[in-house]
Amino acid sequence: MNPLLITTTQAVDPVFKFIFGVSLVLLLGITATTVGFVIRYRRSRAPEPTSQSSGNIWLEIVWIVLPSILVLAMFYYGWSGYLSLRNVPKDALPVTATARMWSWSFTYANGKTSPRLYVPVGKPVVVNLVSKDVLHGFYIPAFRVKRDVVPGMKNFAWFVASKPGSYDLFCSVYCGVGHSAMITTVEAVPAAEFAAWLEKGEGKEEKAAGKALLEKHGCLGCHSLDGTAKVGPTFKGIFGRRVTVLTGGTERTITVDEEYLRRSILDPNADVVKGYQPIMPSFPGLTKDEVTTMVEFIEGVR
């Protein structure tokens, strides 16, 4: 990693520590002064004011100059830190983060897509933020990164992972009933391992083309593959199952088959499984072959 590069963590932490330290000193100082005054000038000891002083020029200078210096120092550190957060290094790796209710997907320059953000250790990464529906928040506590993801607005964040590891990535803005499940990770790996992963046609999470498409379009943010309860019905064992759906407000029992799965992908509110909200977005840009691939994968989830 470039020793001259100031990372987002290095930009934010000193500002936080400085402001916290100043606040702590002021808190202790004001508290100690207040307690001292209460003890020294309590009513039983001095029932009537005896001071004849009309003012103290030096005291007034101190309480004007000192807070001004502190505020200017906070501004300086905050502004320099903000510039570090917004000035992206020229050699940063570009990644596009797509947020939708309620999942993340990350697309790299070569077209590869992953539900987790893979990054090389020691290299700056700039993440271009895109929302497909509502307001979301791109938040990685470990790297002190938090940016709004606004529909129709260009925004970005950058960071450097200084050591290998798995770091939580959250949505920091309430975006609907599945907001709490909109969690993924940043996987920081050595540069050589990242290069090998990036060049592979399929990653570990994309062993099947159908699963890759489900991940790309955020389906697995609401539908689990292992039976776990989420915002939408689990895909585990769904094919061939008898389910009760609401069609135009009327209940009916059907068997999940290929036709039903295709219709649910292209027109998700046509037949809503009873007990679930009609909140699934439609995907008009899907091709016939893509829908077929997705349906075939769902059929095999047991």
C-alpha atoms as a PDB file:
ATOM      1  CA  MET A   1       0.000   0.000   0.000  1.00  0.00           C
ATOM      2  CA  ASN A   2       1.220   3.500  -0.820  1.00  0.00           C
ATOM      3  CA  PRO A   3       2.691   4.907   2.459  1.00  0.00           C
ATOM      4  CA  LEU A   4       1.664   8.436   1.415  1.00  0.00           C
ATOM      5  CA  LEU A   5      -1.977   7.448   0.940  1.00  0.00           C
ATOM      6  CA  ILE A   6      -4.342   8.642   3.673  1.00  0.00           C
ATOM      7  CA  THR A   7      -7.089   6.061   3.989  1.00  0.00           C
ATOM      8  CA  THR A   8     -10.646   6.806   5.058  1.00  0.00           C
ATOM      9  CA  THR A   9      -9.970   5.279   8.476  1.00  0.00           C
ATOM     10  CA  GLN A  10      -6.900   7.474   8.956  1.00  0.00           C
ATOM     11  CA  ALA A  11      -8.912  10.520   7.893  1.00  0.00           C
ATOM     12  CA  VAL A  12     -11.870   9.943  10.214  1.00  0.00           C
ATOM     13  CA  ASP A  13     -10.341   8.517  13.401  1.00  0.00           C
ATOM     14  CA  PRO A  14      -8.103  11.498  14.333  1.00  0.00           C
ATOM     15  CA  VAL A  15     -11.023  13.918  13.908  1.00  0.00           C
ATOM     16  CA  PHE A  16     -13.243  11.779  16.117  1.00  0.00           C
ATOM     17  CA  LYS A  17     -10.547  11.422  18.785  1.00  0.00           C
ATOM     18  CA  PHE A  18      -9.806  15.163  18.738  1.00  0.00           C
ATOM     19  CA  ILE A  19     -13.448  16.225  19.098  1.00  0.00           C
ATOM     20  CA  PHE A  20     -14.096  13.526  21.700  1.00  0.00           C
ATOM     21  CA  GLY A  21     -10.994  14.581  23.669  1.00  0.00           C
ATOM     22  CA  VAL A  22     -11.952  18.284  23.618  1.00  0.00           C
ATOM     23  CA  SER A  23     -15.516  17.430  24.656  1.00  0.00           C
ATOM     24  CA  LEU A  24     -14.253  15.228  27.499  1.00  0.00           C
ATOM     25  CA  VAL A  25     -11.892  17.931  28.801  1.00  0.00           C
ATOM     26  CA  LEU A  26     -14.671  20.546  28.685  1.00  0.00           C
ATOM     27  CA  LEU A  27     -17.108  18.189  30.402  1.00  0.00           C
ATOM     28  CA  LEU A  28     -14.695  17.412  33.237  1.00  0.00           C
ATOM     29  CA  GLY A  29     -13.592  21.039  33.553  1.00  0.00           C
ATOM     30  CA  ILE A  30     -17.108  22.488  33.644  1.00  0.00           C
ATOM     31  CA  THR A  31     -18.307  19.765  36.024  1.00  0.00           C
ATOM     32  CA  ALA A  32     -15.372  20.289  38.393  1.00  0.00           C
ATOM     33  CA  THR A  33     -15.862  24.082  38.331  1.00  0.00           C
ATOM     34  CA  THR A  34     -19.582  23.726  39.003  1.00  0.00           C
ATOM     35  CA  VAL A  35     -19.012  21.368  41.942  1.00  0.00           C
ATOM     36  CA  GLY A  36     -16.315  23.693  43.330  1.00  0.00           C
ATOM     37  CA  PHE A  37     -18.600  26.714  43.100  1.00  0.00           C
ATOM     38  CA  VAL A  38     -21.449  24.820  44.776  1.00  0.00           C
ATOM     39  CA  ILE A  39     -19.189  23.910  47.696  1.00  0.00           C
ATOM     40  CA  ARG A  40     -17.383  27.234  48.056  1.00  0.00           C
ATOM     41  CA  TYR A  41     -20.295  29.564  47.491  1.00  0.00           C
ATOM     42  CA  ARG A  42     -23.088  27.615  49.118  1.00  0.00           C
ATOM     43  CA  ARG A  43     -25.759  29.674  50.861  1.00  0.00           C
ATOM     44  CA  SER A  44     -24.779  28.617  54.390  1.00  0.00           C
ATOM     45  CA  ARG A  45     -21.285  29.981  53.793  1.00  0.00           C
ATOM     46  CA  ALA A  46     -22.062  33.161  51.866  1.00  0.00           C
ATOM     47  CA  PRO A  47     -25.768  33.982  52.120  1.00  0.00           C
ATOM     48  CA  GLU A  48     -25.340  37.414  50.487  1.00  0.00           C
ATOM     49  CA  PRO A  49     -23.215  38.362  47.438  1.00  0.00           C
ATOM     50  CA  THR A  50     -20.097  40.300  48.455  1.00  0.00           C
ATOM     51  CA  SER A  51     -18.364  40.830  45.103  1.00  0.00           C
ATOM     52  CA  GLN A  52     -18.447  44.395  43.725  1.00  0.00           C
ATOM     53  CA  SER A  53     -16.775  43.483  40.407  1.00  0.00           C
ATOM     54  CA  SER A  54     -18.642  44.724  37.333  1.00  0.00           C
ATOM     55  CA  GLY A  55     -16.635  42.608  34.868  1.00  0.00           C
ATOM     56  CA  ASN A  56     -13.321  40.927  34.008  1.00  0.00           C
ATOM     57  CA  ILE A  57     -11.825  41.749  30.643  1.00  0.00           C
ATOM     58  CA  TRP A  58      -9.368  38.832  30.680  1.00  0.00           C
ATOM     59  CA  LEU A  59     -12.090  36.331  31.506  1.00  0.00           C
ATOM     60  CA  GLU A  60     -14.193  37.638  28.621  1.00  0.00           C
ATOM     61  CA  ILE A  61     -11.231  37.437  26.243  1.00  0.00           C
ATOM     62  CA  VAL A  62     -10.527  33.822  27.287  1.00  0.00           C
ATOM     63  CA  TRP A  63     -14.101  32.598  26.823  1.00  0.00           C
ATOM     64  CA  ILE A  64     -14.307  34.252  23.397  1.00  0.00           C
ATOM     65  CA  VAL A  65     -10.860  33.382  22.030  1.00  0.00           C
ATOM     66  CA  LEU A  66     -10.568  29.818  23.381  1.00  0.00           C
ATOM     67  CA  PRO A  67     -13.910  28.517  21.966  1.00  0.00           C
ATOM     68  CA  SER A  68     -13.124  30.254  18.654  1.00  0.00           C
ATOM     69  CA  ILE A  69      -9.788  28.450  18.438  1.00  0.00           C
ATOM     70  CA  LEU A  70     -11.432  25.115  19.285  1.00  0.00           C
ATOM     71  CA  VAL A  71     -14.171  25.604  16.668  1.00  0.00           C
ATOM     72  CA  LEU A  72     -11.633  26.593  13.988  1.00  0.00           C
ATOM     73  CA  ALA A  73      -9.467  23.569  14.867  1.00  0.00           C
ATOM     74  CA  MET A  74     -12.495  21.253  14.584  1.00  0.00           C
ATOM     75  CA  PHE A  75     -13.373  22.830  11.244  1.00  0.00           C
ATOM     76  CA  TYR A  76      -9.825  22.419   9.955  1.00  0.00           C
ATOM     77  CA  TYR A  77      -9.585  18.749  10.920  1.00  0.00           C
ATOM     78  CA  GLY A  78     -13.106  18.039   9.692  1.00  0.00           C
ATOM     79  CA  TRP A  79     -12.568  19.763   6.338  1.00  0.00           C
ATOM     80  CA  SER A  80      -9.213  18.072   5.680  1.00  0.00           C
ATOM     81  CA  GLY A  81     -10.803  14.724   6.566  1.00  0.00           C
ATOM     82  CA  TYR A  82     -13.742  15.405   4.241  1.00  0.00           C
ATOM     83  CA  LEU A  83     -11.368  16.177   1.359  1.00  0.00           C
ATOM     84  CA  SER A  84      -9.606  12.866   1.967  1.00  0.00           C
ATOM     85  CA  LEU A  85     -12.953  11.055   1.805  1.00  0.00           C
ATOM     86  CA  ARG A  86     -13.951  12.720  -1.481  1.00  0.00           C
ATOM     87  CA  ASN A  87     -10.601  12.760  -3.333  1.00  0.00           C
ATOM     88  CA  VAL A  88     -10.320   9.323  -4.903  1.00  0.00           C
ATOM     89  CA  PRO A  89      -6.806   7.980  -5.640  1.00  0.00           C
ATOM     90  CA  LYS A  90      -6.106   7.727  -9.374  1.00  0.00           C
ATOM     91  CA  ASP A  91      -5.310   4.001  -9.259  1.00  0.00           C
ATOM     92  CA  ALA A  92      -8.522   3.031  -7.410  1.00  0.00           C
ATOM     93  CA  LEU A  93     -10.310  -0.138  -8.527  1.00  0.00           C
ATOM     94  CA  PRO A  94     -13.804   0.786  -9.845  1.00  0.00           C
ATOM     95  CA  VAL A  95     -16.819  -1.220  -8.669  1.00  0.00           C
ATOM     96  CA  THR A  96     -20.526  -0.464  -9.071  1.00  0.00           C
ATOM     97  CA  ALA A  97     -22.746  -1.211  -6.085  1.00  0.00           C
ATOM     98  CA  THR A  98     -26.410  -1.676  -6.971  1.00  0.00           C
ATOM     99  CA  ALA A  99     -28.874  -1.390  -4.097  1.00  0.00           C
ATOM    100  CA  ARG A 100     -32.442  -2.640  -4.285  1.00  0.00           C
ATOM    101  CA  MET A 101     -35.058  -3.836  -1.824  1.00  0.00           C
ATOM    102  CA  TRP A 102     -33.428  -5.658  -0.059  1.00  0.00           C
ATOM    103  CA  SER A 103     -30.041  -6.713  -1.308  1.00  0.00           C
ATOM    104  CA  TRP A 104     -26.719  -5.557  -2.717  1.00  0.00           C
ATOM    105  CA  SER A 105     -24.962  -6.606  -5.897  1.00  0.00           C
ATOM    106  CA  PHE A 106     -21.500  -5.549  -7.044  1.00  0.00           C
ATOM    107  CA  THR A 107     -20.382  -5.328 -10.662  1.00  0.00           C
ATOM    108  CA  TYR A 108     -16.745  -5.115 -11.751  1.00  0.00           C
ATOM    109  CA  ALA A 109     -15.206  -3.596 -14.885  1.00  0.00           C
ATOM    110  CA  ASN A 110     -15.094  -6.965 -16.655  1.00  0.00           C
ATOM    111  CA  GLY A 111     -18.820  -7.507 -16.082  1.00  0.00           C
ATOM    112  CA  LYS A 112     -18.511  -9.966 -13.213  1.00  0.00           C
ATOM    113  CA  THR A 113     -21.237  -9.652 -10.579  1.00  0.00           C
ATOM    114  CA  SER A 114     -21.196 -10.793  -6.964  1.00  0.00           C
ATOM    115  CA  PRO A 115     -23.516 -10.407  -3.957  1.00  0.00           C
ATOM    116  CA  ARG A 116     -20.452  -9.696  -1.820  1.00  0.00           C
ATOM    117  CA  LEU A 117     -17.864  -6.980  -2.367  1.00  0.00           C
ATOM    118  CA  TYR A 118     -14.493  -8.593  -3.040  1.00  0.00           C
ATOM    119  CA  VAL A 119     -11.503  -6.230  -2.828  1.00  0.00           C
ATOM    120  CA  PRO A 120      -7.708  -6.619  -2.915  1.00  0.00           C
ATOM    121  CA  VAL A 121      -5.832  -5.821   0.278  1.00  0.00           C
ATOM    122  CA  GLY A 122      -3.870  -2.569   0.183  1.00  0.00           C
ATOM    123  CA  LYS A 123      -5.463  -1.179  -2.996  1.00  0.00           C
ATOM    124  CA  PRO A 124      -7.927   1.746  -3.076  1.00  0.00           C
ATOM    125  CA  VAL A 125     -11.423   0.783  -4.222  1.00  0.00           C
ATOM    126  CA  VAL A 126     -13.962   3.332  -5.463  1.00  0.00           C
ATOM    127  CA  VAL A 127     -17.570   2.173  -5.275  1.00  0.00           C
ATOM    128  CA  ASN A 128     -20.084   3.912  -7.542  1.00  0.00           C
ATOM    129  CA  LEU A 129     -23.466   3.826  -5.827  1.00  0.00           C
ATOM    130  CA  VAL A 130     -26.703   3.087  -7.706  1.00  0.00           C
ATOM    131  CA  SER A 131     -30.222   2.557  -6.364  1.00  0.00           C
ATOM    132  CA  LYS A 132     -32.863   0.698  -8.363  1.00  0.00           C
ATOM    133  CA  ASP A 133     -35.823   1.764  -6.228  1.00  0.00           C
ATOM    134  CA  VAL A 134     -35.704   3.786  -2.991  1.00  0.00           C
ATOM    135  CA  LEU A 135     -33.186   5.564  -0.781  1.00  0.00           C
ATOM    136  CA  HIS A 136     -30.530   3.264   0.697  1.00  0.00           C
ATOM    137  CA  GLY A 137     -27.338   3.797   2.695  1.00  0.00           C
ATOM    138  CA  PHE A 138     -23.896   2.307   1.915  1.00  0.00           C
ATOM    139  CA  TYR A 139     -22.281   1.774   5.314  1.00  0.00           C
ATOM    140  CA  ILE A 140     -19.041  -0.058   6.147  1.00  0.00           C
ATOM    141  CA  PRO A 141     -18.179   0.685   9.810  1.00  0.00           C
ATOM    142  CA  ALA A 142     -14.721  -0.904   9.635  1.00  0.00           C
ATOM    143  CA  PHE A 143     -13.597   1.612   6.986  1.00  0.00           C
ATOM    144  CA  ARG A 144     -15.588   4.602   8.369  1.00  0.00           C
ATOM    145  CA  VAL A 145     -17.565   4.813   5.126  1.00  0.00           C
ATOM    146  CA  LYS A 146     -21.216   5.889   5.037  1.00  0.00           C
ATOM    147  CA  ARG A 147     -22.870   7.387   1.938  1.00  0.00           C
ATOM    148  CA  ASP A 148     -26.455   7.749   0.794  1.00  0.00           C
ATOM    149  CA  VAL A 149     -27.545   5.778  -2.278  1.00  0.00           C
ATOM    150  CA  VAL A 150     -30.168   7.976  -3.933  1.00  0.00           C
ATOM    151  CA  PRO A 151     -32.217   6.952  -7.011  1.00  0.00           C
ATOM    152  CA  GLY A 152     -31.165   8.987 -10.043  1.00  0.00           C
ATOM    153  CA  MET A 153     -28.207  10.631  -8.264  1.00  0.00           C
ATOM    154  CA  LYS A 154     -24.527   9.891  -8.816  1.00  0.00           C
ATOM    155  CA  ASN A 155     -22.606   9.205  -5.636  1.00  0.00           C
ATOM    156  CA  PHE A 156     -19.536   7.247  -4.628  1.00  0.00           C
ATOM    157  CA  ALA A 157     -17.415   6.081  -1.727  1.00  0.00           C
ATOM    158  CA  TRP A 158     -13.866   4.802  -1.559  1.00  0.00           C
ATOM    159  CA  PHE A 159     -11.755   2.951   0.973  1.00  0.00           C
ATOM    160  CA  VAL A 160      -8.711   0.754   1.450  1.00  0.00           C
ATOM    161  CA  ALA A 161      -8.713  -2.599   3.235  1.00  0.00           C
ATOM    162  CA  SER A 162      -5.353  -2.654   4.997  1.00  0.00           C
ATOM    163  CA  LYS A 163      -5.534  -6.318   6.004  1.00  0.00           C
ATOM    164  CA  PRO A 164      -7.399  -9.476   4.915  1.00  0.00           C
ATOM    165  CA  GLY A 165     -10.745 -10.226   6.503  1.00  0.00           C
ATOM    166  CA  SER A 166     -14.512 -10.162   6.221  1.00  0.00           C
ATOM    167  CA  TYR A 167     -16.163  -6.839   7.075  1.00  0.00           C
ATOM    168  CA  ASP A 168     -19.873  -6.119   7.507  1.00  0.00           C
ATOM    169  CA  LEU A 169     -21.659  -3.926   4.972  1.00  0.00           C
ATOM    170  CA  PHE A 170     -25.071  -2.556   5.977  1.00  0.00           C
ATOM    171  CA  CYS A 171     -27.867  -0.462   4.557  1.00  0.00           C
ATOM    172  CA  SER A 172     -28.000   2.507   6.951  1.00  0.00           C
ATOM    173  CA  VAL A 173     -31.320   3.956   5.736  1.00  0.00           C
ATOM    174  CA  TYR A 174     -34.701   2.352   6.460  1.00  0.00           C
ATOM    175  CA  CYS A 175     -35.884   1.096   3.078  1.00  0.00           C
ATOM    176  CA  GLY A 176     -38.900  -1.097   3.864  1.00  0.00           C
ATOM    177  CA  VAL A 177     -39.897  -4.240   5.699  1.00  0.00           C
ATOM    178  CA  GLY A 178     -36.779  -6.178   4.630  1.00  0.00           C
ATOM    179  CA  HIS A 179     -34.331  -3.429   5.630  1.00  0.00           C
ATOM    180  CA  SER A 180     -32.789  -5.411   8.497  1.00  0.00           C
ATOM    181  CA  ALA A 181     -31.906  -8.261   6.124  1.00  0.00           C
ATOM    182  CA  MET A 182     -30.043  -5.989   3.691  1.00  0.00           C
ATOM    183  CA  ILE A 183     -26.642  -7.073   4.930  1.00  0.00           C
ATOM    184  CA  THR A 184     -23.622  -8.371   3.048  1.00  0.00           C
ATOM    185  CA  THR A 185     -19.847  -8.340   3.526  1.00  0.00           C
ATOM    186  CA  VAL A 186     -16.655  -6.880   2.141  1.00  0.00           C
ATOM    187  CA  GLU A 187     -14.208  -9.710   1.516  1.00  0.00           C
ATOM    188  CA  ALA A 188     -10.655  -8.378   1.565  1.00  0.00           C
ATOM    189  CA  VAL A 189      -8.223 -10.882   0.058  1.00  0.00           C
ATOM    190  CA  PRO A 190      -4.569 -10.754  -1.076  1.00  0.00           C
ATOM    191  CA  ALA A 191      -4.052  -9.125  -4.479  1.00  0.00           C
ATOM    192  CA  ALA A 192      -3.080 -12.359  -6.239  1.00  0.00           C
ATOM    193  CA  GLU A 193      -6.117 -14.196  -4.882  1.00  0.00           C
ATOM    194  CA  PHE A 194      -8.381 -11.330  -5.913  1.00  0.00           C
ATOM    195  CA  ALA A 195      -6.968 -11.282  -9.464  1.00  0.00           C
ATOM    196  CA  ALA A 196      -7.593 -15.022  -9.792  1.00  0.00           C
ATOM    197  CA  TRP A 197     -11.157 -14.643  -8.464  1.00  0.00           C
ATOM    198  CA  LEU A 198     -11.897 -11.749 -10.812  1.00  0.00           C
ATOM    199  CA  GLU A 199     -10.749 -13.619 -13.906  1.00  0.00           C
ATOM    200  CA  LYS A 200     -12.833 -16.707 -13.203  1.00  0.00           C
ATOM    201  CA  GLY A 201     -16.036 -16.922 -15.191  1.00  0.00           C
ATOM    202  CA  GLU A 202     -17.879 -17.943 -12.060  1.00  0.00           C
ATOM    203  CA  GLY A 203     -17.181 -17.228  -8.400  1.00  0.00           C
ATOM    204  CA  LYS A 204     -17.906 -19.422  -5.417  1.00  0.00           C
ATOM    205  CA  GLU A 205     -21.366 -17.845  -5.079  1.00  0.00           C
ATOM    206  CA  GLU A 206     -22.063 -18.227  -8.788  1.00  0.00           C
ATOM    207  CA  LYS A 207     -21.599 -21.946  -9.416  1.00  0.00           C
ATOM    208  CA  ALA A 208     -24.755 -22.017 -11.488  1.00  0.00           C
ATOM    209  CA  ALA A 209     -25.866 -19.422 -14.017  1.00  0.00           C
ATOM    210  CA  GLY A 210     -29.342 -19.408 -12.485  1.00  0.00           C
ATOM    211  CA  LYS A 211     -28.004 -18.607  -9.043  1.00  0.00           C
ATOM    212  CA  ALA A 212     -25.798 -15.894 -10.528  1.00  0.00           C
ATOM    213  CA  LEU A 213     -28.861 -14.250 -12.083  1.00  0.00           C
ATOM    214  CA  LEU A 214     -30.805 -14.483  -8.824  1.00  0.00           C
ATOM    215  CA  GLU A 215     -27.913 -12.853  -7.006  1.00  0.00           C
ATOM    216  CA  LYS A 216     -27.477 -10.202  -9.678  1.00  0.00           C
ATOM    217  CA  HIS A 217     -31.108  -9.096  -9.475  1.00  0.00           C
ATOM    218  CA  GLY A 218     -31.277  -9.223  -5.681  1.00  0.00           C
ATOM    219  CA  CYS A 219     -33.697 -12.153  -5.440  1.00  0.00           C
ATOM    220  CA  LEU A 220     -31.713 -13.886  -2.705  1.00  0.00           C
ATOM    221  CA  GLY A 221     -32.072 -10.855  -0.486  1.00  0.00           C
ATOM    222  CA  CYS A 222     -35.739 -11.761   0.024  1.00  0.00           C
ATOM    223  CA  HIS A 223     -35.852 -15.510  -0.788  1.00  0.00           C
ATOM    224  CA  SER A 224     -33.592 -17.963   1.003  1.00  0.00           C
ATOM    225  CA  LEU A 225     -32.166 -21.201  -0.398  1.00  0.00           C
ATOM    226  CA  ASP A 226     -32.060 -23.071   2.914  1.00  0.00           C
ATOM    227  CA  GLY A 227     -35.576 -22.642   4.280  1.00  0.00           C
ATOM    228  CA  THR A 228     -34.753 -19.566   6.368  1.00  0.00           C
ATOM    229  CA  ALA A 229     -37.717 -17.214   6.758  1.00  0.00           C
ATOM    230  CA  LYS A 230     -37.264 -13.941   4.896  1.00  0.00           C
ATOM    231  CA  VAL A 231     -39.441 -11.259   3.336  1.00  0.00           C
ATOM    232  CA  GLY A 232     -40.502 -13.665   0.568  1.00  0.00           C
ATOM    233  CA  PRO A 233     -41.112 -17.441   0.461  1.00  0.00           C
ATOM    234  CA  THR A 234     -38.022 -19.637   0.575  1.00  0.00           C
ATOM    235  CA  PHE A 235     -36.940 -21.304  -2.661  1.00  0.00           C
ATOM    236  CA  LYS A 236     -36.069 -24.517  -0.826  1.00  0.00           C
ATOM    237  CA  GLY A 237     -38.471 -27.232  -2.005  1.00  0.00           C
ATOM    238  CA  ILE A 238     -40.851 -24.700  -3.539  1.00  0.00           C
ATOM    239  CA  PHE A 239     -41.191 -26.501  -6.875  1.00  0.00           C
ATOM    240  CA  GLY A 240     -44.149 -28.863  -6.769  1.00  0.00           C
ATOM    241  CA  ARG A 241     -45.418 -27.496  -3.460  1.00  0.00           C
ATOM    242  CA  ARG A 242     -49.111 -26.673  -2.949  1.00  0.00           C
ATOM    243  CA  VAL A 243     -49.493 -23.027  -1.906  1.00  0.00           C
ATOM    244  CA  THR A 244     -52.388 -20.640  -1.290  1.00  0.00           C
ATOM    245  CA  VAL A 245     -52.146 -17.451  -3.317  1.00  0.00           C
ATOM    246  CA  LEU A 246     -54.181 -14.285  -3.675  1.00  0.00           C
ATOM    247  CA  THR A 247     -55.152 -13.545  -7.275  1.00  0.00           C
ATOM    248  CA  GLY A 248     -56.959 -10.261  -7.631  1.00  0.00           C
ATOM    249  CA  GLY A 249     -58.024 -10.507  -3.977  1.00  0.00           C
ATOM    250  CA  THR A 250     -59.348 -14.063  -4.374  1.00  0.00           C
ATOM    251  CA  GLU A 251     -57.737 -16.986  -2.580  1.00  0.00           C
ATOM    252  CA  ARG A 252     -56.891 -20.106  -4.566  1.00  0.00           C
ATOM    253  CA  THR A 253     -54.617 -23.088  -4.054  1.00  0.00           C
ATOM    254  CA  ILE A 254     -52.150 -23.948  -6.797  1.00  0.00           C
ATOM    255  CA  THR A 255     -49.153 -26.185  -7.389  1.00  0.00           C
ATOM    256  CA  VAL A 256     -45.900 -24.374  -8.011  1.00  0.00           C
ATOM    257  CA  ASP A 257     -44.798 -25.251 -11.537  1.00  0.00           C
ATOM    258  CA  GLU A 258     -42.716 -23.648 -14.277  1.00  0.00           C
ATOM    259  CA  GLU A 259     -45.583 -21.472 -15.479  1.00  0.00           C
ATOM    260  CA  TYR A 260     -46.185 -20.102 -11.988  1.00  0.00           C
ATOM    261  CA  LEU A 261     -42.484 -19.368 -11.429  1.00  0.00           C
ATOM    262  CA  ARG A 262     -42.194 -17.553 -14.766  1.00  0.00           C
ATOM    263  CA  ARG A 263     -45.284 -15.493 -14.015  1.00  0.00           C
ATOM    264  CA  SER A 264     -44.016 -14.674 -10.521  1.00  0.00           C
ATOM    265  CA  ILE A 265     -40.723 -13.370 -11.927  1.00  0.00           C
ATOM    266  CA  LEU A 266     -42.240 -11.286 -14.725  1.00  0.00           C
ATOM    267  CA  ASP A 267     -45.451 -10.214 -12.930  1.00  0.00           C
ATOM    268  CA  PRO A 268     -44.775 -10.735  -9.210  1.00  0.00           C
ATOM    269  CA  ASN A 269     -48.057  -9.266  -7.977  1.00  0.00           C
ATOM    270  CA  ALA A 270     -50.280 -11.477 -10.131  1.00  0.00           C
ATOM    271  CA  ASP A 271     -50.335 -14.361  -7.619  1.00  0.00           C
ATOM    272  CA  VAL A 272     -49.080 -13.375  -4.164  1.00  0.00           C
ATOM    273  CA  VAL A 273     -48.485 -16.196  -1.688  1.00  0.00           C
ATOM    274  CA  LYS A 274     -50.821 -15.792   1.273  1.00  0.00           C
ATOM    275  CA  GLY A 275     -49.106 -14.301   4.299  1.00  0.00           C
ATOM    276  CA  TYR A 276     -46.634 -12.216   2.268  1.00  0.00           C
ATOM    277  CA  GLN A 277     -46.825  -8.607   1.155  1.00  0.00           C
ATOM    278  CA  PRO A 278     -47.063  -7.687  -2.584  1.00  0.00           C
ATOM    279  CA  ILE A 279     -43.795  -5.759  -2.510  1.00  0.00           C
ATOM    280  CA  MET A 280     -41.652  -7.637  -5.027  1.00  0.00           C
ATOM    281  CA  PRO A 281     -40.508  -5.363  -7.900  1.00  0.00           C
ATOM    282  CA  SER A 282     -40.838  -6.465 -11.516  1.00  0.00           C
ATOM    283  CA  PHE A 283     -37.869  -7.092 -13.824  1.00  0.00           C
ATOM    284  CA  PRO A 284     -38.971  -6.079 -17.336  1.00  0.00           C
ATOM    285  CA  GLY A 285     -35.418  -6.188 -18.689  1.00  0.00           C
ATOM    286  CA  LEU A 286     -35.048  -9.962 -18.277  1.00  0.00           C
ATOM    287  CA  THR A 287     -34.753 -11.996 -21.454  1.00  0.00           C
ATOM    288  CA  LYS A 288     -36.662 -15.230 -22.030  1.00  0.00           C
ATOM    289  CA  ASP A 289     -33.460 -17.249 -21.692  1.00  0.00           C
ATOM    290  CA  GLU A 290     -32.593 -15.567 -18.389  1.00  0.00           C
ATOM    291  CA  VAL A 291     -36.028 -16.332 -16.951  1.00  0.00           C
ATOM    292  CA  THR A 292     -35.689 -19.953 -18.071  1.00  0.00           C
ATOM    293  CA  THR A 293     -32.265 -20.225 -16.411  1.00  0.00           C
ATOM    294  CA  MET A 294     -33.605 -18.789 -13.160  1.00  0.00           C
ATOM    295  CA  VAL A 295     -36.630 -21.084 -13.143  1.00  0.00           C
ATOM    296  CA  GLU A 296     -34.476 -24.152 -13.793  1.00  0.00           C
ATOM    297  CA  PHE A 297     -32.246 -23.266 -10.847  1.00  0.00           C
ATOM    298  CA  ILE A 298     -35.215 -22.719  -8.505  1.00  0.00           C
ATOM    299  CA  GLU A 299     -36.640 -26.096  -9.530  1.00  0.00           C
ATOM    300  CA  GLY A 300     -33.471 -27.792  -8.315  1.00  0.00           C
ATOM    301  CA  VAL A 301     -33.327 -26.144  -4.878  1.00  0.00           C
ATOM    302  CA  ARG A 302     -34.169 -28.956  -2.434  1.00  0.00           C
END
